[in-house]
Structures are given as structure tokens and as C-alpha cells.
N, C-alpha and C. Protein backbone atom coordinates (compact mmCIF):
# COMPACT_ATOMS: atom_id res chain seq x y z
N MET A 1 -6.68 9.90 15.65
CA MET A 1 -6.65 9.27 14.42
C MET A 1 -6.51 7.76 14.63
N LYS A 2 -7.40 7.05 14.01
CA LYS A 2 -7.38 5.64 14.14
C LYS A 2 -7.06 5.11 12.60
N VAL A 3 -6.12 4.14 12.50
CA VAL A 3 -5.70 3.66 11.19
C VAL A 3 -5.62 2.15 11.22
N ALA A 4 -6.15 1.58 10.17
CA ALA A 4 -6.07 0.05 10.00
C ALA A 4 -4.89 -0.24 8.86
N ILE A 5 -4.03 -1.11 9.32
CA ILE A 5 -2.86 -1.43 8.43
C ILE A 5 -2.92 -2.92 8.07
N PHE A 6 -3.06 -3.19 6.83
CA PHE A 6 -3.18 -4.65 6.36
C PHE A 6 -1.76 -5.07 5.84
N GLY A 7 -1.37 -6.23 6.10
CA GLY A 7 -0.07 -6.72 5.78
C GLY A 7 0.96 -6.05 6.80
N ALA A 8 0.53 -5.85 8.05
CA ALA A 8 1.23 -5.08 9.08
C ALA A 8 2.56 -5.78 9.53
N ALA A 9 2.74 -7.12 9.28
CA ALA A 9 3.86 -7.82 9.73
C ALA A 9 4.92 -7.88 8.48
N GLY A 10 4.57 -7.41 7.35
CA GLY A 10 5.41 -7.42 6.08
C GLY A 10 6.64 -6.46 6.26
N SER A 11 7.35 -6.55 5.22
CA SER A 11 8.65 -5.77 5.19
C SER A 11 8.49 -4.27 5.13
N ILE A 12 7.29 -3.84 4.55
CA ILE A 12 6.97 -2.44 4.59
C ILE A 12 5.88 -2.21 5.73
N GLY A 13 4.88 -3.12 5.83
CA GLY A 13 3.83 -2.99 6.74
C GLY A 13 4.35 -2.68 8.23
N LYS A 14 5.41 -3.51 8.67
CA LYS A 14 5.94 -3.22 10.07
C LYS A 14 6.47 -1.79 10.16
N HIS A 15 7.00 -1.16 9.22
CA HIS A 15 7.51 0.14 9.29
C HIS A 15 6.35 1.10 9.29
N ALA A 16 5.29 0.73 8.54
CA ALA A 16 4.15 1.67 8.53
C ALA A 16 3.46 1.74 9.94
N VAL A 17 3.52 0.48 10.60
CA VAL A 17 3.06 0.53 12.03
C VAL A 17 3.80 1.51 12.94
N TRP A 18 5.12 1.25 12.98
CA TRP A 18 6.02 2.17 13.75
C TRP A 18 5.85 3.66 13.27
N HIS A 19 5.73 4.07 12.10
CA HIS A 19 5.56 5.38 11.82
C HIS A 19 4.20 5.94 12.32
N ALA A 20 3.24 5.10 12.17
CA ALA A 20 1.77 5.44 12.53
C ALA A 20 1.74 5.58 14.11
N LEU A 21 2.39 4.70 14.88
CA LEU A 21 2.31 4.85 16.24
C LEU A 21 3.17 6.12 16.67
N ASP A 22 4.26 6.29 15.96
CA ASP A 22 5.10 7.46 16.28
C ASP A 22 4.36 8.87 16.12
N LYS A 23 3.35 8.72 15.31
CA LYS A 23 2.55 10.02 15.09
C LYS A 23 1.42 10.08 16.12
N GLY A 24 1.39 9.07 17.02
CA GLY A 24 0.32 9.00 17.98
C GLY A 24 -1.02 8.43 17.52
N TYR A 25 -0.99 7.71 16.38
CA TYR A 25 -2.29 7.15 15.92
C TYR A 25 -2.62 5.88 16.63
N GLN A 26 -3.85 5.61 16.74
CA GLN A 26 -4.32 4.29 17.23
C GLN A 26 -4.26 3.41 16.01
N VAL A 27 -3.61 2.24 16.12
CA VAL A 27 -3.25 1.32 15.02
C VAL A 27 -4.00 0.00 15.11
N LYS A 28 -4.73 -0.44 14.15
CA LYS A 28 -5.18 -1.75 14.05
C LYS A 28 -4.37 -2.56 13.03
N ALA A 29 -3.53 -3.45 13.56
CA ALA A 29 -2.49 -4.12 12.65
C ALA A 29 -3.08 -5.50 12.24
N TYR A 30 -3.50 -5.69 11.06
CA TYR A 30 -4.01 -6.94 10.48
C TYR A 30 -2.92 -7.87 9.88
N VAL A 31 -2.82 -8.94 10.40
CA VAL A 31 -1.69 -9.91 10.00
C VAL A 31 -2.16 -11.34 9.86
N ARG A 32 -1.51 -12.05 9.11
CA ARG A 32 -1.88 -13.51 8.90
C ARG A 32 -1.16 -14.28 10.16
N ASP A 33 -0.02 -13.86 10.40
CA ASP A 33 0.71 -14.61 11.53
C ASP A 33 1.16 -13.56 12.66
N THR A 34 0.68 -13.63 13.82
CA THR A 34 0.88 -12.72 14.88
C THR A 34 2.44 -12.87 15.34
N SER A 35 2.97 -13.94 15.14
CA SER A 35 4.36 -14.09 15.59
C SER A 35 5.30 -13.32 14.86
N LYS A 36 4.93 -12.77 13.66
CA LYS A 36 5.86 -12.02 12.89
C LYS A 36 5.74 -10.48 13.17
N LEU A 37 4.86 -10.03 14.17
CA LEU A 37 4.86 -8.74 14.69
C LEU A 37 4.90 -8.70 16.15
N MET A 38 6.22 -8.81 16.47
CA MET A 38 6.41 -8.77 18.06
C MET A 38 6.68 -7.49 18.58
N LEU A 39 5.43 -6.73 18.71
CA LEU A 39 5.44 -5.41 19.07
C LEU A 39 4.43 -5.21 20.07
N GLU A 40 4.53 -4.40 21.18
CA GLU A 40 3.53 -3.95 22.08
C GLU A 40 3.42 -2.52 22.28
N HIS A 41 2.42 -2.02 22.30
CA HIS A 41 2.26 -0.52 22.23
C HIS A 41 0.77 -0.25 22.80
N GLU A 42 0.54 0.66 23.71
CA GLU A 42 -0.75 1.00 24.24
C GLU A 42 -1.75 1.44 23.15
N ASN A 43 -1.22 1.89 22.01
CA ASN A 43 -2.14 2.31 20.84
C ASN A 43 -2.22 1.26 19.84
N LEU A 44 -1.62 0.05 20.04
CA LEU A 44 -1.69 -0.95 18.98
C LEU A 44 -2.58 -2.18 19.26
N THR A 45 -3.39 -2.48 18.30
CA THR A 45 -4.20 -3.63 18.41
C THR A 45 -3.76 -4.62 17.28
N ILE A 46 -3.40 -5.80 17.57
CA ILE A 46 -3.01 -6.71 16.52
C ILE A 46 -4.23 -7.75 16.26
N ILE A 47 -4.55 -7.83 14.98
CA ILE A 47 -5.69 -8.76 14.64
C ILE A 47 -5.19 -9.87 13.55
N GLN A 48 -5.56 -10.94 13.97
CA GLN A 48 -5.07 -12.18 12.97
C GLN A 48 -6.26 -12.41 12.11
N GLY A 49 -5.91 -12.58 10.73
CA GLY A 49 -6.97 -12.87 9.87
C GLY A 49 -6.42 -12.98 8.52
N GLU A 50 -7.31 -13.55 7.53
CA GLU A 50 -6.93 -13.61 6.07
C GLU A 50 -7.63 -12.35 5.49
N ILE A 51 -6.99 -11.93 4.33
CA ILE A 51 -7.46 -10.76 3.63
C ILE A 51 -8.87 -10.97 2.87
N ASN A 52 -9.20 -12.26 2.78
CA ASN A 52 -10.53 -12.62 2.08
C ASN A 52 -11.64 -12.82 3.03
N ASP A 53 -11.31 -12.64 4.30
CA ASP A 53 -12.45 -12.80 5.36
C ASP A 53 -13.20 -11.64 5.57
N TYR A 54 -14.26 -11.48 4.94
CA TYR A 54 -15.00 -10.25 4.97
C TYR A 54 -15.43 -9.73 6.50
N GLU A 55 -15.87 -10.64 7.29
CA GLU A 55 -16.33 -10.35 8.63
C GLU A 55 -15.10 -9.72 9.41
N ASN A 56 -14.01 -10.32 9.24
CA ASN A 56 -12.79 -9.93 10.00
C ASN A 56 -12.28 -8.61 9.55
N VAL A 57 -12.29 -8.31 8.20
CA VAL A 57 -11.77 -7.27 7.61
C VAL A 57 -12.69 -6.21 7.98
N SER A 58 -14.05 -6.40 7.87
CA SER A 58 -15.00 -5.37 8.15
C SER A 58 -14.90 -4.86 9.69
N GLU A 59 -14.71 -5.84 10.60
CA GLU A 59 -14.54 -5.49 11.96
C GLU A 59 -13.27 -4.53 12.22
N THR A 60 -12.34 -4.92 11.35
CA THR A 60 -10.98 -4.19 11.53
C THR A 60 -11.12 -2.71 11.04
N VAL A 61 -11.75 -2.45 10.01
CA VAL A 61 -11.84 -1.11 9.41
C VAL A 61 -12.93 -0.26 10.07
N LYS A 62 -13.83 -0.99 10.80
CA LYS A 62 -14.86 -0.20 11.51
C LYS A 62 -14.33 0.90 12.45
N GLY A 63 -14.75 2.04 12.31
CA GLY A 63 -14.33 3.14 13.25
C GLY A 63 -13.10 3.78 12.71
N CYS A 64 -12.48 3.32 11.72
CA CYS A 64 -11.11 3.91 11.33
C CYS A 64 -11.33 5.15 10.42
N ASN A 65 -10.21 5.98 10.46
CA ASN A 65 -10.21 7.16 9.65
C ASN A 65 -9.61 6.91 8.39
N ALA A 66 -8.79 5.76 8.31
CA ALA A 66 -8.02 5.52 7.04
C ALA A 66 -7.44 4.06 7.09
N VAL A 67 -7.28 3.58 5.92
CA VAL A 67 -6.80 2.20 5.76
C VAL A 67 -5.46 2.27 4.97
N ILE A 68 -4.39 1.63 5.43
CA ILE A 68 -3.15 1.42 4.67
C ILE A 68 -2.98 0.09 4.25
N TRP A 69 -2.92 -0.18 2.99
CA TRP A 69 -2.64 -1.66 2.50
C TRP A 69 -1.27 -1.91 2.08
N CYS A 70 -0.59 -2.80 2.87
CA CYS A 70 0.80 -3.13 2.60
C CYS A 70 1.00 -4.57 2.26
N VAL A 71 -0.08 -5.24 1.86
CA VAL A 71 0.09 -6.62 1.40
C VAL A 71 0.73 -6.83 0.02
N GLY A 72 1.76 -7.65 -0.03
CA GLY A 72 2.53 -7.80 -1.22
C GLY A 72 1.87 -8.73 -2.26
N ILE A 73 2.42 -8.77 -3.40
CA ILE A 73 2.05 -9.60 -4.55
C ILE A 73 3.25 -10.48 -4.88
N PRO A 74 3.17 -11.75 -4.87
CA PRO A 74 4.13 -12.69 -5.26
C PRO A 74 4.86 -12.40 -6.51
N MET A 75 6.14 -12.36 -6.59
CA MET A 75 6.87 -12.12 -7.95
C MET A 75 7.27 -13.52 -8.61
N LYS A 76 6.38 -14.47 -8.46
CA LYS A 76 6.59 -15.77 -9.20
C LYS A 76 5.19 -16.24 -9.43
N LYS A 77 5.05 -17.34 -10.21
CA LYS A 77 3.81 -17.98 -10.47
C LYS A 77 3.02 -18.37 -9.15
N TYR A 78 1.73 -18.20 -9.11
CA TYR A 78 0.95 -18.54 -8.03
C TYR A 78 -0.43 -18.82 -8.45
N THR A 79 -1.36 -19.28 -7.62
CA THR A 79 -2.59 -19.69 -7.94
C THR A 79 -3.69 -18.53 -7.70
N GLY A 80 -4.45 -18.34 -8.57
CA GLY A 80 -5.62 -17.32 -8.33
C GLY A 80 -5.08 -15.87 -8.33
N THR A 81 -5.87 -14.96 -7.83
CA THR A 81 -5.54 -13.58 -7.63
C THR A 81 -5.75 -13.18 -6.14
N PRO A 82 -5.07 -13.54 -5.25
CA PRO A 82 -5.30 -13.43 -3.83
C PRO A 82 -5.37 -11.88 -3.48
N SER A 83 -4.50 -11.10 -3.95
CA SER A 83 -4.48 -9.61 -3.59
C SER A 83 -5.77 -8.88 -4.14
N LEU A 84 -5.95 -9.27 -5.44
CA LEU A 84 -7.14 -8.66 -6.12
C LEU A 84 -8.39 -8.92 -5.37
N ASP A 85 -8.60 -10.28 -4.98
CA ASP A 85 -9.72 -10.76 -4.17
C ASP A 85 -9.78 -10.00 -2.82
N GLY A 86 -8.63 -9.81 -2.21
CA GLY A 86 -8.66 -9.32 -1.01
C GLY A 86 -8.98 -7.76 -1.08
N HIS A 87 -8.57 -7.09 -2.20
CA HIS A 87 -9.02 -5.77 -2.40
C HIS A 87 -10.51 -5.55 -2.56
N LYS A 88 -11.08 -6.64 -3.20
CA LYS A 88 -12.56 -6.54 -3.42
C LYS A 88 -13.45 -6.59 -2.00
N VAL A 89 -12.74 -7.38 -1.14
CA VAL A 89 -13.27 -7.59 0.23
C VAL A 89 -13.14 -6.23 0.87
N LEU A 90 -11.95 -5.77 0.89
CA LEU A 90 -11.58 -4.51 1.58
C LEU A 90 -12.35 -3.38 1.20
N ILE A 91 -12.59 -3.25 -0.09
CA ILE A 91 -13.34 -2.00 -0.60
C ILE A 91 -14.76 -2.13 -0.13
N LYS A 92 -15.37 -3.32 -0.23
CA LYS A 92 -16.71 -3.53 0.28
C LYS A 92 -16.82 -3.25 1.69
N ALA A 93 -15.77 -3.59 2.51
CA ALA A 93 -16.04 -3.52 4.00
C ALA A 93 -15.80 -2.05 4.29
N MET A 94 -14.99 -1.28 3.63
CA MET A 94 -14.77 0.26 3.77
C MET A 94 -16.02 0.89 3.45
N ALA A 95 -16.62 0.61 2.29
CA ALA A 95 -17.91 1.17 1.95
C ALA A 95 -19.00 0.89 2.93
N ASP A 96 -19.18 -0.23 3.41
CA ASP A 96 -20.08 -0.66 4.37
C ASP A 96 -20.02 0.06 5.56
N ASN A 97 -18.82 0.38 6.00
CA ASN A 97 -18.62 1.03 7.35
C ASN A 97 -18.23 2.57 7.29
N GLY A 98 -18.45 3.10 6.07
CA GLY A 98 -18.15 4.51 5.80
C GLY A 98 -16.89 4.98 6.00
N VAL A 99 -15.92 4.12 5.74
CA VAL A 99 -14.45 4.49 5.70
C VAL A 99 -14.00 4.82 4.30
N PHE A 100 -13.43 6.05 4.09
CA PHE A 100 -13.21 6.38 2.57
C PHE A 100 -11.75 6.52 2.23
N ARG A 101 -10.85 6.72 3.22
CA ARG A 101 -9.50 7.10 2.89
C ARG A 101 -8.65 5.69 2.84
N LEU A 102 -8.16 5.48 1.54
CA LEU A 102 -7.38 4.34 1.42
C LEU A 102 -5.95 4.68 0.72
N ILE A 103 -4.98 4.19 1.44
CA ILE A 103 -3.59 4.35 0.79
C ILE A 103 -3.01 2.94 0.58
N ASP A 104 -2.75 2.81 -0.76
CA ASP A 104 -2.32 1.55 -1.29
C ASP A 104 -1.02 1.69 -1.98
N TRP A 105 -0.52 0.64 -2.55
CA TRP A 105 0.77 0.63 -3.21
C TRP A 105 0.74 -0.11 -4.67
N ALA A 106 1.73 0.23 -5.47
CA ALA A 106 1.85 -0.43 -6.83
C ALA A 106 3.27 -0.19 -7.31
N THR A 107 3.50 -0.45 -8.57
CA THR A 107 4.78 -0.23 -9.12
C THR A 107 4.39 0.66 -10.33
N PRO A 108 5.41 1.33 -11.00
CA PRO A 108 5.09 2.08 -12.24
C PRO A 108 4.52 1.34 -13.39
N SER A 109 4.42 -0.03 -13.15
CA SER A 109 3.72 -0.86 -14.21
C SER A 109 2.29 -0.56 -14.32
N VAL A 110 1.66 0.03 -13.24
CA VAL A 110 0.29 0.51 -13.28
C VAL A 110 0.29 1.98 -13.92
N PRO A 111 -0.24 2.18 -15.04
CA PRO A 111 -0.14 3.53 -15.63
C PRO A 111 -1.10 4.48 -14.99
N PHE A 112 -0.71 5.74 -15.07
CA PHE A 112 -1.63 6.79 -14.49
C PHE A 112 -1.69 7.99 -15.60
N LYS A 113 -2.91 8.61 -15.58
CA LYS A 113 -3.12 9.58 -16.65
C LYS A 113 -2.12 10.79 -16.69
N ASN A 114 -1.48 11.00 -15.34
CA ASN A 114 -0.47 12.22 -15.32
C ASN A 114 0.95 11.88 -15.69
N ASP A 115 1.08 10.52 -15.98
CA ASP A 115 2.49 10.11 -16.26
C ASP A 115 3.07 10.85 -17.54
N LYS A 116 4.36 11.20 -17.33
CA LYS A 116 5.17 11.55 -18.54
C LYS A 116 6.04 10.40 -19.08
N LYS A 117 6.18 10.38 -20.28
CA LYS A 117 6.92 9.29 -20.95
C LYS A 117 8.45 9.39 -20.56
N SER A 118 8.94 8.42 -19.88
CA SER A 118 10.30 8.42 -19.39
C SER A 118 10.67 7.03 -19.00
N PHE A 119 11.92 6.84 -18.71
CA PHE A 119 12.60 5.45 -18.29
C PHE A 119 11.70 4.93 -17.25
N ILE A 120 11.36 5.76 -16.21
CA ILE A 120 10.70 5.16 -15.01
C ILE A 120 9.28 4.70 -15.31
N THR A 121 8.65 5.35 -16.19
CA THR A 121 7.21 5.12 -16.61
C THR A 121 7.05 4.01 -17.48
N VAL A 122 8.16 3.71 -18.32
CA VAL A 122 8.03 2.87 -19.40
C VAL A 122 8.78 1.62 -19.13
N VAL A 123 9.99 1.57 -18.85
CA VAL A 123 10.85 0.33 -18.64
C VAL A 123 10.27 -0.59 -17.58
N PRO A 124 10.04 -0.15 -16.45
CA PRO A 124 9.51 -1.08 -15.34
C PRO A 124 8.35 -1.92 -15.89
N GLY A 125 7.35 -1.29 -16.53
CA GLY A 125 6.23 -2.09 -17.14
C GLY A 125 6.64 -3.23 -18.12
N LEU A 126 7.54 -2.73 -18.97
CA LEU A 126 8.09 -3.75 -19.93
C LEU A 126 8.85 -4.94 -19.40
N LEU A 127 9.68 -4.65 -18.38
CA LEU A 127 10.36 -5.72 -17.77
C LEU A 127 9.35 -6.56 -16.92
N ALA A 128 8.38 -6.05 -16.13
CA ALA A 128 7.41 -6.79 -15.37
C ALA A 128 6.64 -7.62 -16.41
N GLY A 129 6.32 -7.11 -17.46
CA GLY A 129 5.61 -8.01 -18.53
C GLY A 129 6.35 -9.34 -18.95
N ILE A 130 7.70 -9.24 -18.90
CA ILE A 130 8.41 -10.31 -19.25
C ILE A 130 8.75 -11.26 -18.08
N LEU A 131 9.12 -10.64 -17.00
CA LEU A 131 9.57 -11.39 -15.78
C LEU A 131 8.42 -11.72 -14.93
N TYR A 132 7.57 -10.93 -14.70
CA TYR A 132 6.46 -11.26 -13.70
C TYR A 132 5.14 -10.88 -14.39
N LYS A 133 4.80 -11.63 -15.36
CA LYS A 133 3.58 -11.32 -16.23
C LYS A 133 2.32 -11.49 -15.34
N GLN A 134 2.21 -12.57 -14.49
CA GLN A 134 1.10 -12.84 -13.71
C GLN A 134 0.88 -11.56 -12.60
N GLY A 135 2.01 -11.31 -11.91
CA GLY A 135 1.93 -10.35 -10.97
C GLY A 135 1.58 -8.96 -11.44
N LYS A 136 2.09 -8.68 -12.67
CA LYS A 136 1.83 -7.36 -13.40
C LYS A 136 0.34 -7.25 -13.59
N ALA A 137 -0.21 -8.26 -14.25
CA ALA A 137 -1.68 -8.34 -14.59
C ALA A 137 -2.58 -8.09 -13.39
N GLU A 138 -2.25 -8.75 -12.29
CA GLU A 138 -2.95 -8.66 -11.08
C GLU A 138 -2.86 -7.15 -10.54
N MET A 139 -1.72 -6.59 -10.58
CA MET A 139 -1.51 -5.37 -10.11
C MET A 139 -2.23 -4.29 -10.89
N ILE A 140 -2.21 -4.39 -12.17
CA ILE A 140 -2.95 -3.45 -12.97
C ILE A 140 -4.50 -3.63 -12.77
N ALA A 141 -5.00 -4.85 -12.48
CA ALA A 141 -6.41 -5.07 -12.25
C ALA A 141 -6.75 -4.30 -10.80
N ILE A 142 -5.80 -4.44 -9.92
CA ILE A 142 -6.08 -3.90 -8.66
C ILE A 142 -6.06 -2.28 -8.74
N GLY A 143 -5.05 -1.75 -9.62
CA GLY A 143 -5.23 -0.36 -9.85
C GLY A 143 -6.35 0.18 -10.39
N GLU A 144 -6.98 -0.47 -11.42
CA GLU A 144 -8.26 -0.18 -11.95
C GLU A 144 -9.38 -0.25 -10.94
N LEU A 145 -9.36 -1.35 -10.21
CA LEU A 145 -10.33 -1.54 -9.10
C LEU A 145 -10.36 -0.40 -8.11
N VAL A 146 -9.24 -0.08 -7.59
CA VAL A 146 -9.05 1.04 -6.67
C VAL A 146 -9.52 2.37 -7.20
N ALA A 147 -9.05 2.60 -8.47
CA ALA A 147 -9.28 3.90 -9.13
C ALA A 147 -10.91 4.12 -9.33
N ASN A 148 -11.62 2.99 -9.39
CA ASN A 148 -13.02 3.10 -9.59
C ASN A 148 -13.82 2.73 -8.47
N SER A 149 -13.21 2.72 -7.29
CA SER A 149 -13.83 2.25 -6.03
C SER A 149 -14.75 3.24 -5.44
N GLY A 150 -14.67 4.60 -5.71
CA GLY A 150 -15.48 5.53 -5.08
C GLY A 150 -14.84 5.99 -3.72
N LEU A 151 -13.69 5.44 -3.47
CA LEU A 151 -13.05 5.86 -2.20
C LEU A 151 -12.07 7.10 -2.51
N ASP A 152 -11.49 7.62 -1.40
CA ASP A 152 -10.52 8.66 -1.53
C ASP A 152 -9.13 7.93 -1.41
N TRP A 153 -8.75 7.50 -2.59
CA TRP A 153 -7.63 6.62 -2.69
C TRP A 153 -6.28 7.30 -3.07
N THR A 154 -5.09 6.82 -2.70
CA THR A 154 -3.84 7.20 -3.21
C THR A 154 -3.11 5.83 -3.41
N LEU A 155 -2.61 5.66 -4.62
CA LEU A 155 -1.72 4.56 -4.97
C LEU A 155 -0.24 4.88 -5.12
N VAL A 156 0.49 4.57 -4.08
CA VAL A 156 1.85 4.90 -4.03
C VAL A 156 2.74 3.90 -4.93
N ARG A 157 3.39 4.40 -6.02
CA ARG A 157 4.21 3.56 -6.79
C ARG A 157 5.71 3.63 -6.53
N PHE A 158 6.30 2.44 -6.48
CA PHE A 158 7.79 2.56 -6.21
C PHE A 158 8.28 1.23 -6.86
N MET A 159 9.67 1.26 -6.90
CA MET A 159 10.34 0.16 -7.75
C MET A 159 11.27 -0.81 -7.02
N ALA A 160 12.15 -0.32 -6.22
CA ALA A 160 13.17 -1.16 -5.66
C ALA A 160 13.34 -0.83 -4.16
N PRO A 161 12.48 -1.37 -3.35
CA PRO A 161 12.50 -1.07 -1.87
C PRO A 161 13.77 -1.86 -1.28
N LYS A 162 14.47 -1.16 -0.45
CA LYS A 162 15.66 -1.82 0.21
C LYS A 162 15.51 -1.79 1.75
N ASP A 163 16.09 -2.61 2.42
CA ASP A 163 16.28 -2.55 3.84
C ASP A 163 17.48 -1.65 4.33
N THR A 164 17.20 -0.30 3.95
CA THR A 164 18.20 0.54 4.48
C THR A 164 17.57 1.50 5.45
N LEU A 165 18.42 2.36 6.04
CA LEU A 165 17.89 3.23 7.08
C LEU A 165 16.91 4.28 6.61
N TYR A 166 15.95 4.71 7.43
CA TYR A 166 15.03 5.76 7.15
C TYR A 166 15.80 7.06 7.00
N THR A 167 15.42 7.83 5.94
CA THR A 167 16.08 9.01 5.66
C THR A 167 15.17 10.22 5.74
N GLY A 168 13.89 10.10 5.62
CA GLY A 168 12.90 11.21 5.57
C GLY A 168 13.04 11.96 4.38
N LYS A 169 13.86 11.55 3.27
CA LYS A 169 13.93 12.29 2.07
C LYS A 169 13.38 11.45 0.97
N VAL A 170 12.29 11.79 0.39
CA VAL A 170 11.62 11.07 -0.62
C VAL A 170 11.43 12.02 -1.92
N LYS A 171 11.75 11.59 -3.11
CA LYS A 171 11.36 12.39 -4.25
C LYS A 171 10.09 11.84 -4.84
N VAL A 172 9.35 12.82 -5.34
CA VAL A 172 7.98 12.39 -5.81
C VAL A 172 7.81 12.99 -7.22
N GLY A 173 7.20 12.10 -8.13
CA GLY A 173 7.01 12.55 -9.55
C GLY A 173 6.14 11.64 -10.20
N PHE A 174 5.97 11.99 -11.52
CA PHE A 174 5.13 11.14 -12.45
C PHE A 174 5.97 10.82 -13.78
N GLY A 175 7.26 10.64 -13.57
CA GLY A 175 8.15 10.46 -14.78
C GLY A 175 8.82 11.78 -15.05
N ASP A 176 8.45 12.83 -14.41
CA ASP A 176 9.06 14.16 -14.66
C ASP A 176 10.18 14.61 -13.73
N VAL A 177 10.46 13.57 -12.77
CA VAL A 177 11.47 13.96 -11.76
C VAL A 177 12.55 12.86 -11.80
N LYS A 178 13.70 13.24 -11.78
CA LYS A 178 14.82 12.40 -11.76
C LYS A 178 15.00 11.71 -10.40
N MET A 179 15.08 10.50 -10.24
CA MET A 179 15.18 9.79 -8.98
C MET A 179 15.73 8.45 -9.24
N SER A 180 16.37 7.96 -8.02
CA SER A 180 16.86 6.54 -8.06
C SER A 180 15.66 5.53 -7.77
N PHE A 181 15.71 4.39 -8.39
CA PHE A 181 14.67 3.40 -8.03
C PHE A 181 14.76 2.99 -6.65
N ASN A 182 15.96 2.96 -6.08
CA ASN A 182 16.21 2.38 -4.75
C ASN A 182 15.78 3.39 -3.64
N ILE A 183 14.90 2.70 -2.73
CA ILE A 183 14.35 3.69 -1.74
C ILE A 183 14.13 2.71 -0.52
N SER A 184 14.31 3.26 0.74
CA SER A 184 14.24 2.54 1.99
C SER A 184 12.68 2.19 2.23
N ARG A 185 12.60 0.98 2.67
CA ARG A 185 11.24 0.49 3.08
C ARG A 185 10.60 1.47 4.07
N SER A 186 11.35 1.88 5.02
CA SER A 186 10.94 2.73 5.99
C SER A 186 10.45 4.09 5.40
N ASP A 187 11.20 4.64 4.54
CA ASP A 187 10.78 5.84 3.70
C ASP A 187 9.45 5.68 3.05
N ILE A 188 9.37 4.38 2.31
CA ILE A 188 8.09 4.17 1.72
C ILE A 188 6.92 4.23 2.72
N ALA A 189 6.95 3.52 3.78
CA ALA A 189 6.02 3.40 4.82
C ALA A 189 5.73 4.73 5.36
N ALA A 190 6.70 5.53 5.63
CA ALA A 190 6.44 6.91 6.21
C ALA A 190 5.72 7.74 5.22
N PHE A 191 5.96 7.63 3.93
CA PHE A 191 5.28 8.29 2.96
C PHE A 191 3.82 8.02 2.85
N MET A 192 3.54 6.59 3.02
CA MET A 192 2.23 6.09 2.96
C MET A 192 1.43 6.65 4.18
N VAL A 193 2.06 6.62 5.47
CA VAL A 193 1.41 7.12 6.61
C VAL A 193 1.08 8.70 6.43
N GLU A 194 1.96 9.30 5.84
CA GLU A 194 1.78 10.76 5.67
C GLU A 194 0.51 11.06 4.88
N GLN A 195 0.09 10.13 4.12
CA GLN A 195 -0.95 10.27 3.19
C GLN A 195 -2.33 10.25 3.86
N VAL A 196 -2.23 9.77 5.19
CA VAL A 196 -3.45 9.56 5.93
C VAL A 196 -4.22 11.02 5.99
N THR A 197 -3.32 12.08 6.30
CA THR A 197 -3.86 13.48 6.45
C THR A 197 -3.54 14.40 5.24
N ASP A 198 -2.70 13.99 4.38
CA ASP A 198 -2.27 14.84 3.28
C ASP A 198 -3.12 14.55 2.05
N LYS A 199 -3.76 15.56 1.64
CA LYS A 199 -4.81 15.47 0.63
C LYS A 199 -4.25 15.84 -0.79
N GLN A 200 -2.94 16.00 -0.94
CA GLN A 200 -2.32 16.44 -2.18
C GLN A 200 -2.44 15.30 -3.20
N TYR A 201 -2.36 14.07 -2.73
CA TYR A 201 -2.41 12.95 -3.79
C TYR A 201 -3.62 12.08 -3.74
N ILE A 202 -4.62 12.60 -3.34
CA ILE A 202 -5.96 11.85 -3.32
C ILE A 202 -6.39 11.71 -4.84
N HIS A 203 -6.73 10.51 -5.14
CA HIS A 203 -7.16 10.17 -6.59
C HIS A 203 -5.89 10.30 -7.51
N SER A 204 -4.77 9.93 -7.00
CA SER A 204 -3.45 10.14 -7.66
C SER A 204 -2.49 8.78 -7.44
N MET A 205 -1.54 8.71 -8.21
CA MET A 205 -0.61 7.67 -8.19
C MET A 205 0.85 8.15 -8.24
N PRO A 206 1.36 8.79 -7.21
CA PRO A 206 2.66 9.34 -7.17
C PRO A 206 3.77 8.30 -7.33
N ILE A 207 4.86 8.47 -8.05
CA ILE A 207 6.03 7.53 -7.98
C ILE A 207 6.94 8.10 -7.05
N ILE A 208 7.47 7.33 -6.18
CA ILE A 208 8.50 7.80 -5.20
C ILE A 208 9.80 7.16 -5.29
N GLY A 209 10.90 7.73 -5.02
CA GLY A 209 12.21 7.16 -5.05
C GLY A 209 13.10 8.02 -4.21
N SER A 210 14.42 7.78 -4.36
CA SER A 210 15.45 8.57 -3.63
C SER A 210 16.25 9.42 -4.38
């Protein structure tokens, strides 16, 4: 199994790299700054590039069985829509190379048809609309783009990632399961890596917590 991980040097991405390697996958780790991923492994290839560089992104996804997107969205004012633009490049590159499995992330601010009205599906969106208006708008646009991409996508939603130890215990729901917002970044990454072969949440947006 060969997997491309974008944002591989980030706070969740680096855990995704470790979990994918632990499963024996060949990993192409796409990073902006190679100095932030100080890791060597026989199954790891580190690629430096920007997410809006089509040629580099296309070369990275070529021959892969799946793509995991771990690039974050700034939680403050910023210029343009860098993550949305990067997604457009990625989706085109995947389609051009015949790669269809995409595992992405969002927050419950992105609505899904299976959501049940509850605290976790309503309040985060309201707060984000007040505190992170630009980031929320871009995230919703990304959700719509991914959902209409024609790919076999999964959008993993979560709220409060923490730098705590990996537990291997993740609750999954759509507003119908009681869970804590707090969740280990390593657990998030592991869940995303599991979706490479798990078909349960294709074309779905599960909410995960602890």
C-alpha cells in the first residue's frame, strides 16, 4: 500500500506518517519545510513543495493508493484561501493520475446530511462563525468541493486536538454519540490512516472524539 500524506510535518500529519509506516505502508510525505520532519525510514520518501504546485503534487500522488490531507487552516485572519486552492490542485492531480481514495479533515462546522441536532453539531459552528469566520467559510467551501469531487472521500471531523498520548480508543458519531471534544492528535491520525482500507465511511463525515 502506497500513501501520500500532505502536511506531513504538521501536528497531526507527523503522527499520520508514523502510523502509516507502522502498518508497513510506503509513505510519500509532502512538506513545506523538510527540517520539520526529522525522520528516516526505508519506506519513507519526503517531498518538499507547496500545496498549490500542481506538477509537484501530481508527481507525489502518482502511483498511490490513497491520499491523506493533514494541512491545517489558520485560525486567524489571513490572505486568500490557501487550503481551498490547494484542494483544487490536489483533486485535479488525483483525478489525472487515477487516484480516488482521499481522507481529509474538518470540524463539525461543516454540516453533513446524517448529522443529528445536538451540542456537538450545532455549537461548534456557531462559535466558529463568531471567532473564526474566515476559516469557517473556507472549511465549508472545502467540504463542498470534496463532497462533489467524484473521489472516494472521507472527511474526518473533530474539535479539540491535544498533544496527549495515543490511546487507540476513538468514539465515532454524527451528533448521536456522547463524546468529549478532547482527542489525542495521534488518535486522530491513526483513525485517518485506518480509513485508507476501511470502506465504512466513504462519502461520509464522521465526528470523532474521546
